[in-house]
Amino acid sequence: YDPALRPLTGRDAAVARFLDGQAEVRKMAADIRRFVAEWLPCFVRDNRSYLTVAIGCTGGRHRSVYFAENLAAHFRGSRGVLIRHRELST
């Protein structure tokens, strides 16, 4: 926890750098990407039109936003991706 990052969001480079510096965060991001990548073909095969992945955290402005942005960036090149941050005004 860094109080200087409190007014920022997971979209801000300073927050991303801070979270990227945490081994647990890197592992969790990799685990989520791997899980979605493994099961996404099943949804496609079953003619599902979309898959919703929801990530939450206390406050909904830092970690969850960072993870959602990270996940969207990873899959955006191969899939249509829509991202919505419930706790952010934009």
PDB file of N, CA and C in Angstrom:
ATOM      1  N   TYR A   1       0.844  -1.181   0.000  1.00  0.00           N
ATOM      2  CA  TYR A   1       0.000   0.000   0.000  1.00  0.00           C
ATOM      3  C   TYR A   1       0.879   1.230   0.000  1.00  0.00           C
ATOM      4  N   ASP A   2       0.596   2.162  -0.913  1.00  0.00           N
ATOM      5  CA  ASP A   2       1.327   3.431  -0.998  1.00  0.00           C
ATOM      6  C   ASP A   2       0.303   4.558  -0.992  1.00  0.00           C
ATOM      7  N   PRO A   3       0.229   5.350   0.069  1.00  0.00           N
ATOM      8  CA  PRO A   3      -0.787   6.406   0.173  1.00  0.00           C
ATOM      9  C   PRO A   3      -0.713   7.424  -0.966  1.00  0.00           C
ATOM     10  N   ALA A   4       0.438   7.619  -1.549  1.00  0.00           N
ATOM     11  CA  ALA A   4       0.577   8.577  -2.650  1.00  0.00           C
ATOM     12  C   ALA A   4      -0.197   8.122  -3.896  1.00  0.00           C
ATOM     13  N   LEU A   5      -0.470   6.841  -3.997  1.00  0.00           N
ATOM     14  CA  LEU A   5      -1.185   6.304  -5.158  1.00  0.00           C
ATOM     15  C   LEU A   5      -2.702   6.340  -4.987  1.00  0.00           C
ATOM     16  N   ARG A   6      -3.153   6.669  -3.807  1.00  0.00           N
ATOM     17  CA  ARG A   6      -4.593   6.634  -3.509  1.00  0.00           C
ATOM     18  C   ARG A   6      -5.455   7.438  -4.482  1.00  0.00           C
ATOM     19  N   PRO A   7      -5.080   8.643  -4.872  1.00  0.00           N
ATOM     20  CA  PRO A   7      -5.947   9.404  -5.785  1.00  0.00           C
ATOM     21  C   PRO A   7      -5.908   8.901  -7.235  1.00  0.00           C
ATOM     22  N   LEU A   8      -5.002   7.997  -7.532  1.00  0.00           N
ATOM     23  CA  LEU A   8      -4.848   7.482  -8.894  1.00  0.00           C
ATOM     24  C   LEU A   8      -5.721   6.248  -9.093  1.00  0.00           C
ATOM     25  N   THR A   9      -5.676   5.695 -10.304  1.00  0.00           N
ATOM     26  CA  THR A   9      -6.403   4.458 -10.596  1.00  0.00           C
ATOM     27  C   THR A   9      -5.440   3.454 -11.218  1.00  0.00           C
ATOM     28  N   GLY A  10      -5.940   2.267 -11.433  1.00  0.00           N
ATOM     29  CA  GLY A  10      -5.150   1.222 -12.071  1.00  0.00           C
ATOM     30  C   GLY A  10      -4.785   1.522 -13.512  1.00  0.00           C
ATOM     31  N   ARG A  11      -5.355   2.577 -14.086  1.00  0.00           N
ATOM     32  CA  ARG A  11      -4.992   3.020 -15.431  1.00  0.00           C
ATOM     33  C   ARG A  11      -3.744   3.898 -15.427  1.00  0.00           C
ATOM     34  N   ASP A  12      -3.364   4.389 -14.270  1.00  0.00           N
ATOM     35  CA  ASP A  12      -2.198   5.282 -14.170  1.00  0.00           C
ATOM     36  C   ASP A  12      -0.908   4.485 -14.130  1.00  0.00           C
ATOM     37  N   ALA A  13       0.095   4.993 -14.839  1.00  0.00           N
ATOM     38  CA  ALA A  13       1.389   4.308 -14.951  1.00  0.00           C
ATOM     39  C   ALA A  13       2.029   4.067 -13.587  1.00  0.00           C
ATOM     40  N   ALA A  14       1.902   5.001 -12.673  1.00  0.00           N
ATOM     41  CA  ALA A  14       2.522   4.834 -11.349  1.00  0.00           C
ATOM     42  C   ALA A  14       1.916   3.648 -10.601  1.00  0.00           C
ATOM     43  N   VAL A  15       0.615   3.488 -10.712  1.00  0.00           N
ATOM     44  CA  VAL A  15      -0.053   2.354 -10.064  1.00  0.00           C
ATOM     45  C   VAL A  15       0.373   1.054 -10.741  1.00  0.00           C
ATOM     46  N   ALA A  16       0.393   1.053 -12.069  1.00  0.00           N
ATOM     47  CA  ALA A  16       0.804  -0.147 -12.820  1.00  0.00           C
ATOM     48  C   ALA A  16       2.232  -0.539 -12.452  1.00  0.00           C
ATOM     49  N   ARG A  17       3.134   0.436 -12.368  1.00  0.00           N
ATOM     50  CA  ARG A  17       4.525   0.133 -11.984  1.00  0.00           C
ATOM     51  C   ARG A  17       4.583  -0.469 -10.588  1.00  0.00           C
ATOM     52  N   PHE A  18       3.835   0.113  -9.662  1.00  0.00           N
ATOM     53  CA  PHE A  18       3.814  -0.394  -8.295  1.00  0.00           C
ATOM     54  C   PHE A  18       3.322  -1.841  -8.277  1.00  0.00           C
ATOM     55  N   LEU A  19       2.215  -2.111  -8.950  1.00  0.00           N
ATOM     56  CA  LEU A  19       1.647  -3.456  -8.949  1.00  0.00           C
ATOM     57  C   LEU A  19       2.528  -4.435  -9.722  1.00  0.00           C
ATOM     58  N   ASP A  20       3.119  -3.987 -10.826  1.00  0.00           N
ATOM     59  CA  ASP A  20       4.042  -4.844 -11.581  1.00  0.00           C
ATOM     60  C   ASP A  20       5.240  -5.254 -10.735  1.00  0.00           C
ATOM     61  N   GLY A  21       5.561  -4.464  -9.742  1.00  0.00           N
ATOM     62  CA  GLY A  21       6.690  -4.755  -8.867  1.00  0.00           C
ATOM     63  C   GLY A  21       6.397  -5.797  -7.798  1.00  0.00           C
ATOM     64  N   GLN A  22       5.162  -6.259  -7.727  1.00  0.00           N
ATOM     65  CA  GLN A  22       4.752  -7.234  -6.712  1.00  0.00           C
ATOM     66  C   GLN A  22       4.673  -8.628  -7.349  1.00  0.00           C
ATOM     67  N   ALA A  23       5.467  -9.552  -6.839  1.00  0.00           N
ATOM     68  CA  ALA A  23       5.496 -10.911  -7.400  1.00  0.00           C
ATOM     69  C   ALA A  23       4.116 -11.562  -7.381  1.00  0.00           C
ATOM     70  N   GLU A  24       3.352 -11.353  -6.310  1.00  0.00           N
ATOM     71  CA  GLU A  24       2.025 -11.957  -6.213  1.00  0.00           C
ATOM     72  C   GLU A  24       1.087 -11.410  -7.281  1.00  0.00           C
ATOM     73  N   VAL A  25       1.208 -10.141  -7.577  1.00  0.00           N
ATOM     74  CA  VAL A  25       0.369  -9.519  -8.595  1.00  0.00           C
ATOM     75  C   VAL A  25       0.713 -10.088  -9.969  1.00  0.00           C
ATOM     76  N   ARG A  26       1.996 -10.197 -10.271  1.00  0.00           N
ATOM     77  CA  ARG A  26       2.411 -10.778 -11.555  1.00  0.00           C
ATOM     78  C   ARG A  26       1.914 -12.202 -11.688  1.00  0.00           C
ATOM     79  N   LYS A  27       2.007 -12.977 -10.620  1.00  0.00           N
ATOM     80  CA  LYS A  27       1.538 -14.363 -10.666  1.00  0.00           C
ATOM     81  C   LYS A  27       0.025 -14.429 -10.852  1.00  0.00           C
ATOM     82  N   MET A  28      -0.705 -13.588 -10.137  1.00  0.00           N
ATOM     83  CA  MET A  28      -2.156 -13.594 -10.266  1.00  0.00           C
ATOM     84  C   MET A  28      -2.579 -13.192 -11.681  1.00  0.00           C
ATOM     85  N   ALA A  29      -1.955 -12.178 -12.241  1.00  0.00           N
ATOM     86  CA  ALA A  29      -2.268 -11.747 -13.612  1.00  0.00           C
ATOM     87  C   ALA A  29      -2.009 -12.885 -14.595  1.00  0.00           C
ATOM     88  N   ALA A  30      -0.893 -13.566 -14.437  1.00  0.00           N
ATOM     89  CA  ALA A  30      -0.565 -14.694 -15.315  1.00  0.00           C
ATOM     90  C   ALA A  30      -1.569 -15.831 -15.137  1.00  0.00           C
ATOM     91  N   ASP A  31      -1.973 -16.099 -13.902  1.00  0.00           N
ATOM     92  CA  ASP A  31      -2.952 -17.157 -13.636  1.00  0.00           C
ATOM     93  C   ASP A  31      -4.303 -16.840 -14.288  1.00  0.00           C
ATOM     94  N   ILE A  32      -4.748 -15.599 -14.172  1.00  0.00           N
ATOM     95  CA  ILE A  32      -6.027 -15.207 -14.758  1.00  0.00           C
ATOM     96  C   ILE A  32      -5.959 -15.312 -16.280  1.00  0.00           C
ATOM     97  N   ARG A  33      -4.881 -14.793 -16.879  1.00  0.00           N
ATOM     98  CA  ARG A  33      -4.718 -14.888 -18.342  1.00  0.00           C
ATOM     99  C   ARG A  33      -4.720 -16.337 -18.797  1.00  0.00           C
ATOM    100  N   ARG A  34      -3.995 -17.177 -18.100  1.00  0.00           N
ATOM    101  CA  ARG A  34      -3.917 -18.600 -18.458  1.00  0.00           C
ATOM    102  C   ARG A  34      -5.279 -19.268 -18.340  1.00  0.00           C
ATOM    103  N   PHE A  35      -5.996 -18.986 -17.266  1.00  0.00           N
ATOM    104  CA  PHE A  35      -7.312 -19.578 -17.053  1.00  0.00           C
ATOM    105  C   PHE A  35      -8.269 -19.195 -18.186  1.00  0.00           C
ATOM    106  N   VAL A  36      -8.337 -17.908 -18.498  1.00  0.00           N
ATOM    107  CA  VAL A  36      -9.234 -17.453 -19.568  1.00  0.00           C
ATOM    108  C   VAL A  36      -8.798 -18.052 -20.904  1.00  0.00           C
ATOM    109  N   ALA A  37      -7.506 -18.051 -21.189  1.00  0.00           N
ATOM    110  CA  ALA A  37      -7.010 -18.610 -22.452  1.00  0.00           C
ATOM    111  C   ALA A  37      -7.336 -20.093 -22.577  1.00  0.00           C
ATOM    112  N   GLU A  38      -7.280 -20.809 -21.465  1.00  0.00           N
ATOM    113  CA  GLU A  38      -7.566 -22.236 -21.500  1.00  0.00           C
ATOM    114  C   GLU A  38      -9.045 -22.524 -21.769  1.00  0.00           C
ATOM    115  N   TRP A  39      -9.942 -21.745 -21.182  1.00  0.00           N
ATOM    116  CA  TRP A  39     -11.372 -22.035 -21.270  1.00  0.00           C
ATOM    117  C   TRP A  39     -12.092 -21.268 -22.366  1.00  0.00           C
ATOM    118  N   LEU A  40     -11.511 -20.222 -22.888  1.00  0.00           N
ATOM    119  CA  LEU A  40     -12.156 -19.440 -23.941  1.00  0.00           C
ATOM    120  C   LEU A  40     -12.498 -20.279 -25.173  1.00  0.00           C
ATOM    121  N   PRO A  41     -11.640 -21.162 -25.638  1.00  0.00           N
ATOM    122  CA  PRO A  41     -12.004 -21.989 -26.799  1.00  0.00           C
ATOM    123  C   PRO A  41     -13.271 -22.819 -26.579  1.00  0.00           C
ATOM    124  N   CYS A  42     -13.543 -23.229 -25.362  1.00  0.00           N
ATOM    125  CA  CYS A  42     -14.771 -23.978 -25.070  1.00  0.00           C
ATOM    126  C   CYS A  42     -15.999 -23.096 -25.280  1.00  0.00           C
ATOM    127  N   PHE A  43     -15.908 -21.848 -24.874  1.00  0.00           N
ATOM    128  CA  PHE A  43     -17.024 -20.916 -25.072  1.00  0.00           C
ATOM    129  C   PHE A  43     -17.245 -20.679 -26.556  1.00  0.00           C
ATOM    130  N   VAL A  44     -16.174 -20.508 -27.298  1.00  0.00           N
ATOM    131  CA  VAL A  44     -16.264 -20.308 -28.749  1.00  0.00           C
ATOM    132  C   VAL A  44     -16.884 -21.541 -29.396  1.00  0.00           C
ATOM    133  N   ARG A  45     -16.404 -22.700 -29.040  1.00  0.00           N
ATOM    134  CA  ARG A  45     -16.904 -23.953 -29.599  1.00  0.00           C
ATOM    135  C   ARG A  45     -18.394 -24.152 -29.319  1.00  0.00           C
ATOM    136  N   ASP A  46     -18.838 -23.692 -28.170  1.00  0.00           N
ATOM    137  CA  ASP A  46     -20.246 -23.822 -27.794  1.00  0.00           C
ATOM    138  C   ASP A  46     -21.096 -22.661 -28.301  1.00  0.00           C
ATOM    139  N   ASN A  47     -20.531 -21.877 -29.225  1.00  0.00           N
ATOM    140  CA  ASN A  47     -21.239 -20.744 -29.853  1.00  0.00           C
ATOM    141  C   ASN A  47     -21.732 -19.699 -28.854  1.00  0.00           C
ATOM    142  N   ARG A  48     -20.975 -19.516 -27.796  1.00  0.00           N
ATOM    143  CA  ARG A  48     -21.317 -18.456 -26.837  1.00  0.00           C
ATOM    144  C   ARG A  48     -20.910 -17.127 -27.461  1.00  0.00           C
ATOM    145  N   SER A  49     -21.759 -16.120 -27.336  1.00  0.00           N
ATOM    146  CA  SER A  49     -21.462 -14.842 -27.975  1.00  0.00           C
ATOM    147  C   SER A  49     -20.556 -13.950 -27.133  1.00  0.00           C
ATOM    148  N   TYR A  50     -20.454 -14.243 -25.834  1.00  0.00           N
ATOM    149  CA  TYR A  50     -19.553 -13.457 -24.999  1.00  0.00           C
ATOM    150  C   TYR A  50     -19.202 -14.216 -23.728  1.00  0.00           C
ATOM    151  N   LEU A  51     -18.133 -13.775 -23.114  1.00  0.00           N
ATOM    152  CA  LEU A  51     -17.684 -14.282 -21.824  1.00  0.00           C
ATOM    153  C   LEU A  51     -17.466 -13.069 -20.937  1.00  0.00           C
ATOM    154  N   THR A  52     -18.053 -13.071 -19.770  1.00  0.00           N
ATOM    155  CA  THR A  52     -17.857 -11.978 -18.831  1.00  0.00           C
ATOM    156  C   THR A  52     -16.842 -12.406 -17.785  1.00  0.00           C
ATOM    157  N   VAL A  53     -15.842 -11.573 -17.583  1.00  0.00           N
ATOM    158  CA  VAL A  53     -14.850 -11.786 -16.535  1.00  0.00           C
ATOM    159  C   VAL A  53     -14.941 -10.569 -15.619  1.00  0.00           C
ATOM    160  N   ALA A  54     -15.271 -10.800 -14.372  1.00  0.00           N
ATOM    161  CA  ALA A  54     -15.407  -9.713 -13.408  1.00  0.00           C
ATOM    162  C   ALA A  54     -14.308  -9.828 -12.362  1.00  0.00           C
ATOM    163  N   ILE A  55     -13.673  -8.719 -12.088  1.00  0.00           N
ATOM    164  CA  ILE A  55     -12.595  -8.680 -11.103  1.00  0.00           C
ATOM    165  C   ILE A  55     -12.917  -7.565 -10.124  1.00  0.00           C
ATOM    166  N   GLY A  56     -12.927  -7.884  -8.862  1.00  0.00           N
ATOM    167  CA  GLY A  56     -13.239  -6.882  -7.860  1.00  0.00           C
ATOM    168  C   GLY A  56     -12.138  -6.755  -6.829  1.00  0.00           C
ATOM    169  N   CYS A  57     -12.124  -5.635  -6.175  1.00  0.00           N
ATOM    170  CA  CYS A  57     -11.206  -5.405  -5.056  1.00  0.00           C
ATOM    171  C   CYS A  57     -11.809  -4.319  -4.178  1.00  0.00           C
ATOM    172  N   THR A  58     -11.274  -4.132  -3.019  1.00  0.00           N
ATOM    173  CA  THR A  58     -11.750  -3.093  -2.115  1.00  0.00           C
ATOM    174  C   THR A  58     -11.580  -1.742  -2.787  1.00  0.00           C
ATOM    175  N   GLY A  59     -12.650  -1.032  -2.961  1.00  0.00           N
ATOM    176  CA  GLY A  59     -12.590   0.294  -3.572  1.00  0.00           C
ATOM    177  C   GLY A  59     -12.809   0.284  -5.074  1.00  0.00           C
ATOM    178  N   GLY A  60     -12.343  -0.739  -5.767  1.00  0.00           N
ATOM    179  CA  GLY A  60     -12.572  -0.869  -7.196  1.00  0.00           C
ATOM    180  C   GLY A  60     -11.876   0.150  -8.072  1.00  0.00           C
ATOM    181  N   ARG A  61     -10.761   0.701  -7.612  1.00  0.00           N
ATOM    182  CA  ARG A  61     -10.088   1.737  -8.398  1.00  0.00           C
ATOM    183  C   ARG A  61      -8.644   1.408  -8.750  1.00  0.00           C
ATOM    184  N   HIS A  62      -8.026   0.486  -8.064  1.00  0.00           N
ATOM    185  CA  HIS A  62      -6.603   0.243  -8.266  1.00  0.00           C
ATOM    186  C   HIS A  62      -6.330  -1.153  -8.826  1.00  0.00           C
ATOM    187  N   ARG A  63      -6.365  -2.157  -7.958  1.00  0.00           N
ATOM    188  CA  ARG A  63      -6.026  -3.519  -8.403  1.00  0.00           C
ATOM    189  C   ARG A  63      -6.991  -4.057  -9.440  1.00  0.00           C
ATOM    190  N   SER A  64      -8.285  -3.944  -9.196  1.00  0.00           N
ATOM    191  CA  SER A  64      -9.247  -4.509 -10.156  1.00  0.00           C
ATOM    192  C   SER A  64      -9.138  -3.816 -11.510  1.00  0.00           C
ATOM    193  N   VAL A  65      -8.946  -2.516 -11.511  1.00  0.00           N
ATOM    194  CA  VAL A  65      -8.789  -1.776 -12.767  1.00  0.00           C
ATOM    195  C   VAL A  65      -7.503  -2.215 -13.466  1.00  0.00           C
ATOM    196  N   TYR A  66      -6.428  -2.329 -12.713  1.00  0.00           N
ATOM    197  CA  TYR A  66      -5.157  -2.793 -13.269  1.00  0.00           C
ATOM    198  C   TYR A  66      -5.312  -4.181 -13.898  1.00  0.00           C
ATOM    199  N   PHE A  67      -5.917  -5.123 -13.164  1.00  0.00           N
ATOM    200  CA  PHE A  67      -6.085  -6.480 -13.686  1.00  0.00           C
ATOM    201  C   PHE A  67      -6.978  -6.496 -14.919  1.00  0.00           C
ATOM    202  N   ALA A  68      -8.076  -5.758 -14.896  1.00  0.00           N
ATOM    203  CA  ALA A  68      -8.975  -5.728 -16.051  1.00  0.00           C
ATOM    204  C   ALA A  68      -8.273  -5.140 -17.274  1.00  0.00           C
ATOM    205  N   GLU A  69      -7.527  -4.069 -17.086  1.00  0.00           N
ATOM    206  CA  GLU A  69      -6.794  -3.460 -18.205  1.00  0.00           C
ATOM    207  C   GLU A  69      -5.726  -4.407 -18.734  1.00  0.00           C
ATOM    208  N   ASN A  70      -5.035  -5.071 -17.828  1.00  0.00           N
ATOM    209  CA  ASN A  70      -3.991  -6.028 -18.203  1.00  0.00           C
ATOM    210  C   ASN A  70      -4.583  -7.176 -19.009  1.00  0.00           C
ATOM    211  N   LEU A  71      -5.687  -7.702 -18.542  1.00  0.00           N
ATOM    212  CA  LEU A  71      -6.357  -8.811 -19.218  1.00  0.00           C
ATOM    213  C   LEU A  71      -6.885  -8.373 -20.590  1.00  0.00           C
ATOM    214  N   ALA A  72      -7.497  -7.219 -20.647  1.00  0.00           N
ATOM    215  CA  ALA A  72      -8.019  -6.703 -21.918  1.00  0.00           C
ATOM    216  C   ALA A  72      -6.892  -6.498 -22.926  1.00  0.00           C
ATOM    217  N   ALA A  73      -5.791  -5.940 -22.489  1.00  0.00           N
ATOM    218  CA  ALA A  73      -4.652  -5.723 -23.390  1.00  0.00           C
ATOM    219  C   ALA A  73      -4.126  -7.042 -23.932  1.00  0.00           C
ATOM    220  N   HIS A  74      -4.108  -8.054 -23.101  1.00  0.00           N
ATOM    221  CA  HIS A  74      -3.598  -9.360 -23.518  1.00  0.00           C
ATOM    222  C   HIS A  74      -4.474  -9.993 -24.603  1.00  0.00           C
ATOM    223  N   PHE A  75      -5.790  -9.883 -24.475  1.00  0.00           N
ATOM    224  CA  PHE A  75      -6.700 -10.555 -25.396  1.00  0.00           C
ATOM    225  C   PHE A  75      -7.209  -9.662 -26.528  1.00  0.00           C
ATOM    226  N   ARG A  76      -6.982  -8.378 -26.455  1.00  0.00           N
ATOM    227  CA  ARG A  76      -7.529  -7.439 -27.431  1.00  0.00           C
ATOM    228  C   ARG A  76      -7.095  -7.750 -28.864  1.00  0.00           C
ATOM    229  N   GLY A  77      -5.891  -8.241 -29.063  1.00  0.00           N
ATOM    230  CA  GLY A  77      -5.401  -8.518 -30.405  1.00  0.00           C
ATOM    231  C   GLY A  77      -6.101  -9.667 -31.100  1.00  0.00           C
ATOM    232  N   SER A  78      -6.618 -10.616 -30.332  1.00  0.00           N
ATOM    233  CA  SER A  78      -7.224 -11.801 -30.937  1.00  0.00           C
ATOM    234  C   SER A  78      -8.738 -11.879 -30.747  1.00  0.00           C
ATOM    235  N   ARG A  79      -9.292 -11.073 -29.898  1.00  0.00           N
ATOM    236  CA  ARG A  79     -10.722 -11.124 -29.575  1.00  0.00           C
ATOM    237  C   ARG A  79     -11.287  -9.719 -29.451  1.00  0.00           C
ATOM    238  N   GLY A  80     -12.584  -9.609 -29.653  1.00  0.00           N
ATOM    239  CA  GLY A  80     -13.244  -8.351 -29.343  1.00  0.00           C
ATOM    240  C   GLY A  80     -13.332  -8.216 -27.834  1.00  0.00           C
ATOM    241  N   VAL A  81     -12.901  -7.115 -27.314  1.00  0.00           N
ATOM    242  CA  VAL A  81     -12.869  -6.922 -25.861  1.00  0.00           C
ATOM    243  C   VAL A  81     -13.606  -5.634 -25.513  1.00  0.00           C
ATOM    244  N   LEU A  82     -14.496  -5.740 -24.570  1.00  0.00           N
ATOM    245  CA  LEU A  82     -15.201  -4.590 -24.018  1.00  0.00           C
ATOM    246  C   LEU A  82     -14.835  -4.535 -22.549  1.00  0.00           C
ATOM    247  N   ILE A  83     -14.433  -3.377 -22.092  1.00  0.00           N
ATOM    248  CA  ILE A  83     -14.042  -3.246 -20.687  1.00  0.00           C
ATOM    249  C   ILE A  83     -14.871  -2.149 -20.050  1.00  0.00           C
ATOM    250  N   ARG A  84     -15.348  -2.429 -18.845  1.00  0.00           N
ATOM    251  CA  ARG A  84     -16.146  -1.448 -18.109  1.00  0.00           C
ATOM    252  C   ARG A  84     -15.687  -1.464 -16.656  1.00  0.00           C
ATOM    253  N   HIS A  85     -15.363  -0.295 -16.156  1.00  0.00           N
ATOM    254  CA  HIS A  85     -14.955  -0.155 -14.757  1.00  0.00           C
ATOM    255  C   HIS A  85     -16.119   0.478 -13.998  1.00  0.00           C
ATOM    256  N   ARG A  86     -16.764  -0.307 -13.214  1.00  0.00           N
ATOM    257  CA  ARG A  86     -17.969   0.117 -12.497  1.00  0.00           C
ATOM    258  C   ARG A  86     -17.723   1.290 -11.553  1.00  0.00           C
ATOM    259  N   GLU A  87     -16.568   1.331 -10.936  1.00  0.00           N
ATOM    260  CA  GLU A  87     -16.293   2.351  -9.926  1.00  0.00           C
ATOM    261  C   GLU A  87     -15.637   3.621 -10.470  1.00  0.00           C
ATOM    262  N   LEU A  88     -15.285   3.626 -11.766  1.00  0.00           N
ATOM    263  CA  LEU A  88     -14.689   4.809 -12.378  1.00  0.00           C
ATOM    264  C   LEU A  88     -15.742   5.563 -13.174  1.00  0.00           C
ATOM    265  N   SER A  89     -15.636   6.871 -13.203  1.00  0.00           N
ATOM    266  CA  SER A  89     -16.643   7.659 -13.907  1.00  0.00           C
ATOM    267  C   SER A  89     -16.480   7.612 -15.416  1.00  0.00           C
ATOM    268  N   THR A  90     -15.289   7.203 -15.891  1.00  0.00           N
ATOM    269  CA  THR A  90     -15.073   7.139 -17.348  1.00  0.00           C
ATOM    270  C   THR A  90     -14.860   5.737 -17.796  1.00  0.00           C
TER     271      THR A  90
END
